[in-house]
Amino acid sequence: MLFQIDTPGGLSDSTFQITTRFLNARVPVITYVAPSGSRAASAGTFITMAGHIAAMAPATNIGAAHPVDASGGDISGDLGTKVVNDTVAAATKIALARGRNAQWAEDAVRNSVSIRDDQAVQMHVVDFQASDLADVLRKADGKTVQLPSGPVTLATAGLPTESDDPNPIEAFLHVIVDPQIAALMFTLGTWGLIFELGNPGLIFPGIIGVVAIVLALFSLGTLDANAAGLALLVFAVVLFALEVKVASHGMLTIGGVVALVLGFILLFPPWTPTLPGLRLSIDPLVIGAITLFTAAFFVLVIRAALAHRSLPVVVGTETLRGAVGVATSDLGPSGVVWVGGEEWSATSAGGPIAKGQPVRVRSVDSVRLIVEPADNLGKGRGTA
């Protein structure tokens, strides 16, 4: 199996999961840094060295594997020493397991050294240079590698290759696995759910909201987000939902905004070790923008809700008072009229009314309407 590598780095935990699988692979693994101009930086250094056969295309580089914190800064103090020593041990054990330059692997971690492809071959960090996949297979042919089942001699020259590129779904999921995008999707999803709760029956905002939140949770789960941060985000959604239903005078909104901000901050604690190339944190500008727009959104929702609650309550047949309709039979004085989208029994209070003549509702007597002529409206069915 051949893996083509071009990466600036990634999560340390994910990196060591990959290298562990490579070291225990039951089939030969070839790692190839390509095409020209690519790099196997940071996490890519470990993955490249973990292959049974490691190759690099011309004009590529490898190295710079010093661990950093989630925001890209140095890890100081005892924690920094502990993380560096652990990463050095991981790098050197991979190098020794594959018979590579363990001292250089240590320098790549401690001092962030990085070298070109030609230097990597000279220093025995990788096995050889190769111009393309066919060249890799040709140069790997005849080499013996050690598998758990015993030594195996490769016969790879001229073998056909089949590329396993990401499909559209995998490419989409790769795009959304980003702290900034996850934060934005969670916020938009929250807005969609709250808008649906405030306007039941619209359906579309609710569907979009649920989908956005689920995708955000998938992204955060893939990025190994902190559980406390996720709990605060869920709590914020609950507070926002209650704000729509409970008259808290904005207190639930304030609590929701605070929970949202703290949740985003705690999702990726700054002391979380990672490798260069991946900024595992949410930008303060993104958090600020989300907070501002969320607060503005709920201020508008609350004002609209309060304005709606201040309107006089009119229910039942009283809503028909003053409505305009049309006589569907002769009223002399009783008959049938069409008002408010349905037919009603009615009595004329202003003399006989001919069929088809416009009428206006003066009052409601139980289930009977008291109407009068509305000649100035012209003929035809009116609406309430």
Protein backbone atom coordinates (compact mmCIF):
# COMPACT_ATOMS: atom_id res chain seq x y z
CA MET A 1 0.00 0.00 0.00
CA LEU A 2 1.40 3.38 -1.02
CA PHE A 3 0.52 6.65 0.74
CA GLN A 4 1.25 9.96 -0.98
CA ILE A 5 1.93 12.69 1.59
CA ASP A 6 1.72 16.47 1.46
CA THR A 7 0.92 18.02 4.85
CA PRO A 8 1.91 20.96 7.08
CA GLY A 9 1.07 18.97 10.23
CA GLY A 10 -1.83 17.93 12.42
CA LEU A 11 -3.00 16.55 15.75
CA SER A 12 -0.38 14.61 17.69
CA ASP A 13 -2.90 11.98 18.87
CA SER A 14 -4.09 11.32 15.32
CA THR A 15 -0.50 11.21 14.08
CA PHE A 16 0.51 8.53 16.55
CA GLN A 17 -2.62 6.51 15.79
CA ILE A 18 -1.58 6.48 12.13
CA THR A 19 2.05 5.60 12.85
CA THR A 20 0.99 2.80 15.21
CA ARG A 21 -1.09 1.25 12.46
CA PHE A 22 1.80 1.58 10.02
CA LEU A 23 4.21 -0.07 12.46
CA ASN A 24 1.81 -2.98 12.92
CA ALA A 25 0.68 -3.24 9.29
CA ARG A 26 0.38 -6.77 7.89
CA VAL A 27 1.17 -5.58 4.38
CA PRO A 28 4.13 -3.46 3.21
CA VAL A 29 3.54 0.29 3.54
CA ILE A 30 5.30 2.75 1.23
CA THR A 31 5.22 6.46 2.10
CA TYR A 32 5.94 8.97 -0.65
CA VAL A 33 6.23 12.75 -0.20
CA ALA A 34 4.96 14.17 -3.48
CA PRO A 35 4.44 15.90 -5.84
CA SER A 36 7.39 18.27 -6.22
CA GLY A 37 6.94 21.29 -3.96
CA SER A 38 5.18 19.24 -1.27
CA ARG A 39 6.30 18.76 2.31
CA ALA A 40 6.06 16.24 5.11
CA ALA A 41 6.26 18.76 7.93
CA SER A 42 5.54 18.09 11.58
CA ALA A 43 3.06 15.18 11.70
CA GLY A 44 4.08 14.26 8.15
CA THR A 45 7.61 13.58 9.41
CA PHE A 46 6.44 10.78 11.72
CA ILE A 47 4.08 9.31 9.13
CA THR A 48 6.72 9.30 6.39
CA MET A 49 9.33 7.62 8.60
CA ALA A 50 6.81 4.98 9.74
CA GLY A 51 6.56 3.47 6.25
CA HIS A 52 8.46 0.26 5.50
CA ILE A 53 9.77 2.12 2.44
CA ALA A 54 9.99 5.95 2.48
CA ALA A 55 10.58 8.04 -0.63
CA MET A 56 10.50 11.72 -1.57
CA ALA A 57 9.93 13.49 -4.87
CA PRO A 58 12.48 16.10 -6.02
CA ALA A 59 12.04 19.57 -4.48
CA THR A 60 10.25 18.37 -1.34
CA ASN A 61 11.16 18.71 2.34
CA ILE A 62 10.62 16.96 5.66
CA GLY A 63 10.98 17.92 9.35
CA ALA A 64 10.02 20.77 11.74
CA ALA A 65 8.23 18.51 14.21
CA HIS A 66 8.49 20.45 17.47
CA PRO A 67 5.18 20.17 19.42
CA VAL A 68 3.17 23.33 20.17
CA ASP A 69 -0.03 24.17 22.01
CA ALA A 70 -3.48 24.34 20.43
CA SER A 71 -3.07 28.02 19.49
CA GLY A 72 0.32 27.48 17.83
CA GLY A 73 2.49 28.79 20.70
CA ASP A 74 5.25 27.13 22.69
CA ILE A 75 4.31 24.87 25.59
CA SER A 76 6.27 26.19 28.56
CA GLY A 77 7.21 24.82 31.93
CA ASP A 78 7.15 21.22 33.07
CA LEU A 79 4.29 20.42 30.70
CA GLY A 80 6.38 21.60 27.74
CA THR A 81 9.34 19.47 28.81
CA LYS A 82 7.10 16.46 29.27
CA VAL A 83 5.44 16.86 25.86
CA VAL A 84 8.75 17.37 24.03
CA ASN A 85 10.38 14.35 25.67
CA ASP A 86 7.40 12.17 24.89
CA THR A 87 7.37 13.32 21.26
CA VAL A 88 11.12 12.71 20.96
CA ALA A 89 10.63 9.17 22.24
CA ALA A 90 7.86 8.61 19.69
CA ALA A 91 10.01 9.93 16.83
CA THR A 92 13.11 7.92 17.74
CA LYS A 93 11.22 4.67 18.28
CA ILE A 94 9.71 5.01 14.80
CA ALA A 95 13.12 5.73 13.30
CA LEU A 96 14.74 2.78 15.07
CA ALA A 97 11.87 0.44 14.13
CA ARG A 98 12.41 1.27 10.47
CA GLY A 99 16.22 1.51 10.63
CA ARG A 100 16.31 5.25 10.00
CA ASN A 101 18.34 8.13 11.45
CA ALA A 102 17.13 8.35 15.07
CA GLN A 103 19.38 11.33 15.92
CA TRP A 104 17.93 13.40 13.10
CA ALA A 105 14.40 12.41 14.22
CA GLU A 106 15.22 13.75 17.69
CA ASP A 107 16.62 16.99 16.23
CA ALA A 108 13.47 17.43 14.13
CA VAL A 109 11.46 17.44 17.36
CA ARG A 110 13.76 19.31 19.73
CA ASN A 111 15.15 21.88 17.28
CA SER A 112 12.55 21.87 14.48
CA VAL A 113 15.18 21.04 11.86
CA SER A 114 13.91 20.52 8.31
CA ILE A 115 15.80 19.10 5.31
CA ARG A 116 15.40 18.74 1.55
CA ASP A 117 14.75 15.46 -0.22
CA ASP A 118 18.38 15.00 -1.29
CA GLN A 119 19.59 15.64 2.27
CA ALA A 120 16.98 13.21 3.62
CA VAL A 121 18.41 10.44 1.41
CA GLN A 122 22.01 11.24 2.40
CA MET A 123 21.11 11.29 6.11
CA HIS A 124 19.11 8.05 5.81
CA VAL A 125 15.84 9.66 6.86
CA VAL A 126 14.16 8.23 3.74
CA ASP A 127 15.27 5.47 1.37
CA PHE A 128 15.43 7.20 -1.99
CA GLN A 129 14.20 9.95 -4.32
CA ALA A 130 11.58 9.11 -6.94
CA SER A 131 10.14 11.22 -9.73
CA ASP A 132 6.70 9.58 -9.77
CA LEU A 133 4.73 6.56 -8.55
CA ALA A 134 6.13 4.26 -11.22
CA ASP A 135 9.65 5.27 -10.19
CA VAL A 136 8.81 4.54 -6.54
CA LEU A 137 7.61 1.04 -7.40
CA ARG A 138 10.65 0.40 -9.58
CA LYS A 139 13.13 1.48 -6.88
CA ALA A 140 11.27 -0.40 -4.13
CA ASP A 141 11.38 -3.62 -6.16
CA GLY A 142 13.60 -6.26 -4.57
CA LYS A 143 13.83 -4.58 -1.15
CA THR A 144 13.08 -6.73 1.91
CA VAL A 145 10.84 -5.37 4.66
CA GLN A 146 9.94 -6.79 8.05
CA LEU A 147 6.27 -7.57 8.73
CA PRO A 148 4.75 -9.08 11.88
CA SER A 149 4.61 -12.38 10.00
CA GLY A 150 8.29 -12.20 8.98
CA PRO A 151 10.48 -10.69 6.23
CA VAL A 152 8.95 -10.06 2.81
CA THR A 153 10.77 -9.18 -0.42
CA LEU A 154 8.90 -6.69 -2.58
CA ALA A 155 8.17 -7.34 -6.23
CA THR A 156 6.66 -4.00 -7.26
CA ALA A 157 8.29 -3.04 -10.55
CA GLY A 158 5.70 -2.41 -13.23
CA LEU A 159 2.70 -2.99 -10.97
CA PRO A 160 -0.45 -1.07 -11.99
CA THR A 161 -1.61 1.62 -9.57
CA GLU A 162 -5.13 2.58 -8.59
CA SER A 163 -5.71 5.94 -6.90
CA ASP A 164 -8.11 6.15 -3.95
CA ASP A 165 -8.84 9.87 -3.91
CA PRO A 166 -11.41 11.38 -1.51
CA ASN A 167 -14.96 11.22 -2.83
CA PRO A 168 -17.14 14.37 -2.75
CA ILE A 169 -18.58 13.49 0.67
CA GLU A 170 -15.13 12.92 2.16
CA ALA A 171 -13.89 16.17 0.61
CA PHE A 172 -16.87 18.04 2.11
CA LEU A 173 -16.31 16.54 5.56
CA HIS A 174 -12.63 17.48 5.32
CA VAL A 175 -13.61 21.11 4.69
CA ILE A 176 -15.99 21.36 7.66
CA VAL A 177 -13.52 19.79 10.10
CA ASP A 178 -12.20 23.20 11.05
CA PRO A 179 -12.69 25.00 14.40
CA GLN A 180 -13.86 28.25 12.78
CA ILE A 181 -16.37 26.55 10.48
CA ALA A 182 -17.65 24.33 13.30
CA ALA A 183 -18.28 27.40 15.48
CA LEU A 184 -20.14 29.21 12.70
CA MET A 185 -22.25 26.14 11.83
CA PHE A 186 -23.21 25.64 15.48
CA THR A 187 -24.25 29.28 15.77
CA LEU A 188 -26.28 29.28 12.54
CA GLY A 189 -27.90 26.03 13.60
CA THR A 190 -28.88 27.57 16.91
CA TRP A 191 -30.41 30.56 15.16
CA GLY A 192 -32.37 28.26 12.86
CA LEU A 193 -33.81 26.24 15.76
CA ILE A 194 -34.74 29.34 17.74
CA PHE A 195 -36.38 30.94 14.70
CA GLU A 196 -38.40 27.75 14.19
CA LEU A 197 -39.48 27.70 17.85
CA GLY A 198 -40.49 31.34 17.61
CA ASN A 199 -42.42 30.74 14.37
CA PRO A 200 -43.77 27.16 14.52
CA GLY A 201 -44.67 25.63 11.19
CA LEU A 202 -41.99 27.24 9.03
CA ILE A 203 -40.12 23.88 9.05
CA PHE A 204 -37.21 25.03 6.82
CA PRO A 205 -35.31 26.95 9.55
CA GLY A 206 -35.69 24.00 11.89
CA ILE A 207 -34.35 21.51 9.34
CA ILE A 208 -31.39 23.72 8.48
CA GLY A 209 -30.74 24.31 12.18
CA VAL A 210 -30.65 20.62 13.09
CA VAL A 211 -28.43 19.73 10.10
CA ALA A 212 -25.99 22.56 10.90
CA ILE A 213 -25.72 21.60 14.57
CA VAL A 214 -25.20 17.90 13.77
CA LEU A 215 -22.44 18.76 11.27
CA ALA A 216 -20.85 21.10 13.84
CA LEU A 217 -20.87 18.34 16.46
CA PHE A 218 -19.33 15.94 13.93
CA SER A 219 -16.58 18.46 13.23
CA LEU A 220 -15.92 19.11 16.92
CA GLY A 221 -15.91 15.39 17.69
CA THR A 222 -13.39 14.75 14.93
CA LEU A 223 -11.21 17.53 16.33
CA ASP A 224 -11.44 15.92 19.80
CA ALA A 225 -13.08 18.95 21.37
CA ASN A 226 -13.26 19.26 25.15
CA ALA A 227 -16.45 17.78 26.66
CA ALA A 228 -16.93 20.74 29.03
CA GLY A 229 -16.98 23.13 26.07
CA LEU A 230 -19.54 21.00 24.25
CA ALA A 231 -21.73 20.85 27.37
CA LEU A 232 -21.72 24.64 27.64
CA LEU A 233 -22.69 24.99 23.97
CA VAL A 234 -25.65 22.64 24.45
CA PHE A 235 -26.62 24.55 27.61
CA ALA A 236 -26.52 27.80 25.60
CA VAL A 237 -28.96 26.33 23.06
CA VAL A 238 -31.33 25.33 25.88
CA LEU A 239 -31.23 28.85 27.37
CA PHE A 240 -31.89 30.46 24.00
CA ALA A 241 -34.84 28.12 23.39
CA LEU A 242 -36.31 28.96 26.79
CA GLU A 243 -35.95 32.69 26.05
CA VAL A 244 -38.46 32.34 23.24
CA LYS A 245 -41.01 30.67 25.52
CA VAL A 246 -40.34 32.32 28.90
CA ALA A 247 -40.58 36.02 29.77
CA SER A 248 -37.18 36.41 31.45
CA HIS A 249 -36.63 40.04 30.37
CA GLY A 250 -33.42 39.06 28.59
CA MET A 251 -31.75 37.20 31.47
CA LEU A 252 -31.85 33.85 29.65
CA THR A 253 -30.31 35.48 26.58
CA ILE A 254 -27.47 36.92 28.66
CA GLY A 255 -26.87 33.51 30.23
CA GLY A 256 -26.95 31.87 26.80
CA VAL A 257 -24.42 34.29 25.34
CA VAL A 258 -22.07 33.78 28.31
CA ALA A 259 -22.38 29.99 28.02
CA LEU A 260 -21.76 30.22 24.26
CA VAL A 261 -18.58 32.28 24.65
CA LEU A 262 -17.19 30.11 27.48
CA GLY A 263 -18.06 26.99 25.51
CA PHE A 264 -16.12 28.15 22.45
CA ILE A 265 -13.14 29.07 24.64
CA LEU A 266 -13.11 25.71 26.44
CA LEU A 267 -13.59 23.61 23.31
CA PHE A 268 -9.86 23.68 22.63
CA PRO A 269 -7.90 24.54 25.80
CA PRO A 270 -4.66 26.35 24.93
CA TRP A 271 -2.55 23.78 26.78
CA THR A 272 -3.65 20.92 24.49
CA PRO A 273 -0.48 19.58 22.76
CA THR A 274 -0.48 19.37 18.98
CA LEU A 275 2.02 19.57 16.16
CA PRO A 276 2.79 22.62 13.99
CA GLY A 277 0.61 23.16 10.95
CA LEU A 278 -2.79 23.02 12.62
CA ARG A 279 -4.27 25.83 14.69
CA LEU A 280 -6.68 24.04 16.97
CA SER A 281 -8.52 27.04 18.40
CA ILE A 282 -11.33 29.41 17.54
CA ASP A 283 -10.17 32.87 16.56
CA PRO A 284 -11.16 35.55 19.10
CA LEU A 285 -12.54 37.66 16.24
CA VAL A 286 -14.85 34.79 15.28
CA ILE A 287 -16.02 34.45 18.89
CA GLY A 288 -16.57 38.20 19.11
CA ALA A 289 -18.57 38.32 15.87
CA ILE A 290 -20.70 35.33 16.94
CA THR A 291 -21.41 36.92 20.32
CA LEU A 292 -22.35 40.28 18.80
CA PHE A 293 -24.67 38.88 16.14
CA THR A 294 -26.25 36.36 18.50
CA ALA A 295 -27.02 39.07 21.05
CA ALA A 296 -28.45 41.31 18.31
CA PHE A 297 -30.52 38.42 16.95
CA PHE A 298 -32.13 37.72 20.30
CA VAL A 299 -32.70 41.38 21.09
CA LEU A 300 -34.74 41.59 17.90
CA VAL A 301 -36.59 38.35 18.71
CA ILE A 302 -37.39 39.51 22.26
CA ARG A 303 -38.59 42.93 21.08
CA ALA A 304 -40.81 41.30 18.48
CA ALA A 305 -42.20 38.88 21.06
CA LEU A 306 -42.92 41.68 23.56
CA ALA A 307 -44.62 43.74 20.86
CA HIS A 308 -46.76 40.77 19.93
CA ARG A 309 -47.72 40.13 23.55
CA SER A 310 -48.84 43.76 23.93
CA LEU A 311 -51.44 43.41 21.18
CA PRO A 312 -55.07 42.97 22.31
CA VAL A 313 -56.22 39.38 22.25
CA VAL A 314 -59.09 38.73 19.84
CA VAL A 315 -60.37 35.18 19.54
CA GLY A 316 -63.28 33.21 18.14
CA THR A 317 -66.10 34.78 16.16
CA GLU A 318 -65.25 38.23 17.52
CA THR A 319 -62.57 38.41 14.82
CA LEU A 320 -65.40 38.65 12.25
CA ARG A 321 -66.70 41.97 13.57
CA GLY A 322 -66.29 44.53 10.76
CA ALA A 323 -65.32 41.87 8.22
CA VAL A 324 -66.63 42.21 4.67
CA GLY A 325 -68.22 39.36 2.72
CA VAL A 326 -70.93 38.62 0.20
CA ALA A 327 -74.50 37.29 0.37
CA THR A 328 -74.74 33.80 -1.12
CA SER A 329 -78.55 33.82 -0.85
CA ASP A 330 -81.26 36.43 -0.55
CA LEU A 331 -81.49 37.85 2.97
CA GLY A 332 -85.08 38.79 3.73
CA PRO A 333 -84.04 39.29 6.45
CA SER A 334 -82.32 35.88 7.08
CA GLY A 335 -80.11 33.88 4.75
CA VAL A 336 -76.52 32.79 4.13
CA VAL A 337 -73.39 34.91 3.64
CA TRP A 338 -69.73 34.17 2.82
CA VAL A 339 -67.40 35.81 5.34
CA GLY A 340 -63.95 34.95 6.57
CA GLY A 341 -63.47 32.11 4.10
CA GLU A 342 -66.64 30.18 5.04
CA GLU A 343 -70.44 30.36 4.94
CA TRP A 344 -72.46 31.70 7.86
CA SER A 345 -76.14 32.02 8.76
CA ALA A 346 -76.92 35.73 8.82
CA THR A 347 -79.67 38.24 9.47
CA SER A 348 -79.84 41.61 7.76
CA ALA A 349 -80.15 44.62 10.07
CA GLY A 350 -80.61 47.07 7.19
CA GLY A 351 -83.46 45.70 5.10
CA PRO A 352 -83.48 42.93 2.48
CA ILE A 353 -80.16 42.10 0.80
CA ALA A 354 -80.07 40.42 -2.61
CA LYS A 355 -77.89 37.44 -3.43
CA GLY A 356 -74.41 38.55 -4.55
CA GLN A 357 -74.54 41.89 -2.73
CA PRO A 358 -71.55 42.87 -0.52
CA VAL A 359 -72.23 42.81 3.23
CA ARG A 360 -70.42 43.97 6.34
CA VAL A 361 -70.64 42.24 9.73
CA ARG A 362 -72.08 44.53 12.43
CA SER A 363 -72.10 42.01 15.29
CA VAL A 364 -72.15 38.33 16.16
CA ASP A 365 -75.08 36.65 17.86
CA SER A 366 -73.80 33.23 18.93
CA VAL A 367 -73.24 31.46 15.58
CA ARG A 368 -75.34 33.93 13.55
CA LEU A 369 -73.97 37.09 11.97
CA ILE A 370 -75.80 40.39 12.01
CA VAL A 371 -74.93 42.12 8.73
CA GLU A 372 -75.72 45.24 6.76
CA PRO A 373 -75.32 46.18 3.09
CA ALA A 374 -71.88 47.33 1.93
CA ASP A 375 -72.82 48.59 -1.55
CA ASN A 376 -69.77 50.82 -1.82
CA LEU A 377 -67.48 47.77 -1.98
CA GLY A 378 -68.89 46.42 -5.22
CA LYS A 379 -70.02 42.90 -5.89
CA GLY A 380 -68.01 39.73 -5.38
CA ARG A 381 -66.81 37.70 -2.47
CA GLY A 382 -65.01 39.67 0.18
CA THR A 383 -62.43 38.59 2.67
CA ALA A 384 -62.13 39.00 6.39
